[in-house]
Amino acid sequence: MRHVALAIAVAMTTTLAITMPATAGTYSYGQRQSCVLKTVKTYGAYGRVVIRKVRICK
């Protein structure tokens, strides 16, 4: 009986682990985010160039 319960728990855990990342990027209305990666150039405290990549999502 314990082995059956353990097998069911493992099966449910793997099922949830596979399906959850697939639904993480959607809104509640069924629309996906559209993201763009933008490179931003700024200057540090000592005048050095710092290049960052910023994700802009709509």
Protein backbone atom coordinates (compact mmCIF):
# COMPACT_ATOMS: atom_id res chain seq x y z
CA MET A 1 0.00 0.00 0.00
CA ARG A 2 2.84 2.39 0.78
CA HIS A 3 4.48 1.71 -2.56
CA VAL A 4 1.29 2.53 -4.43
CA ALA A 5 0.87 5.82 -2.55
CA LEU A 6 4.51 6.70 -3.15
CA ALA A 7 4.17 5.93 -6.87
CA ILE A 8 1.06 8.12 -7.14
CA ALA A 9 2.83 10.98 -5.32
CA VAL A 10 5.86 10.74 -7.62
CA ALA A 11 3.63 10.65 -10.71
CA MET A 12 1.69 13.73 -9.61
CA THR A 13 4.88 15.63 -8.77
CA THR A 14 6.43 14.96 -12.16
CA THR A 15 3.20 15.86 -13.95
CA LEU A 16 2.98 19.19 -12.14
CA ALA A 17 6.68 19.91 -12.66
CA ILE A 18 6.30 19.45 -16.42
CA THR A 19 3.07 21.42 -16.89
CA MET A 20 3.74 24.42 -14.63
CA PRO A 21 6.56 26.09 -16.65
CA ALA A 22 4.42 25.87 -19.79
CA THR A 23 1.74 28.07 -18.22
CA ALA A 24 4.07 30.48 -16.40
CA GLY A 25 4.50 32.91 -19.32
CA THR A 26 0.82 33.55 -20.03
CA TYR A 27 -1.56 36.13 -18.68
CA SER A 28 -4.88 35.20 -17.16
CA TYR A 29 -6.65 36.29 -20.35
CA GLY A 30 -4.77 33.79 -22.50
CA GLN A 31 -2.34 36.30 -24.06
CA ARG A 32 1.42 35.78 -23.99
CA GLN A 33 3.88 38.51 -23.17
CA SER A 34 5.94 39.93 -25.98
CA CYS A 35 9.39 40.79 -24.66
CA VAL A 36 12.26 42.62 -26.36
CA LEU A 37 15.87 42.58 -25.16
CA LYS A 38 17.33 46.09 -25.28
CA THR A 39 20.98 47.04 -24.73
CA VAL A 40 21.41 50.10 -22.49
CA LYS A 41 24.73 51.93 -22.23
CA THR A 42 25.41 53.86 -19.01
CA TYR A 43 28.48 55.14 -17.21
CA GLY A 44 29.73 53.90 -13.84
CA ALA A 45 30.93 55.91 -10.86
CA TYR A 46 34.46 56.26 -12.31
CA GLY A 47 33.40 57.01 -15.88
CA ARG A 48 33.62 53.48 -17.23
CA VAL A 49 31.07 52.31 -19.75
CA VAL A 50 28.58 49.80 -18.36
CA ILE A 51 26.45 47.91 -20.86
CA ARG A 52 23.32 46.23 -19.53
CA LYS A 53 20.73 44.13 -21.27
CA VAL A 54 17.21 45.06 -20.17
CA ARG A 55 14.09 43.04 -20.95
CA ILE A 56 11.07 45.17 -21.88
CA CYS A 57 7.78 43.28 -21.86
CA LYS A 58 4.39 44.49 -23.09
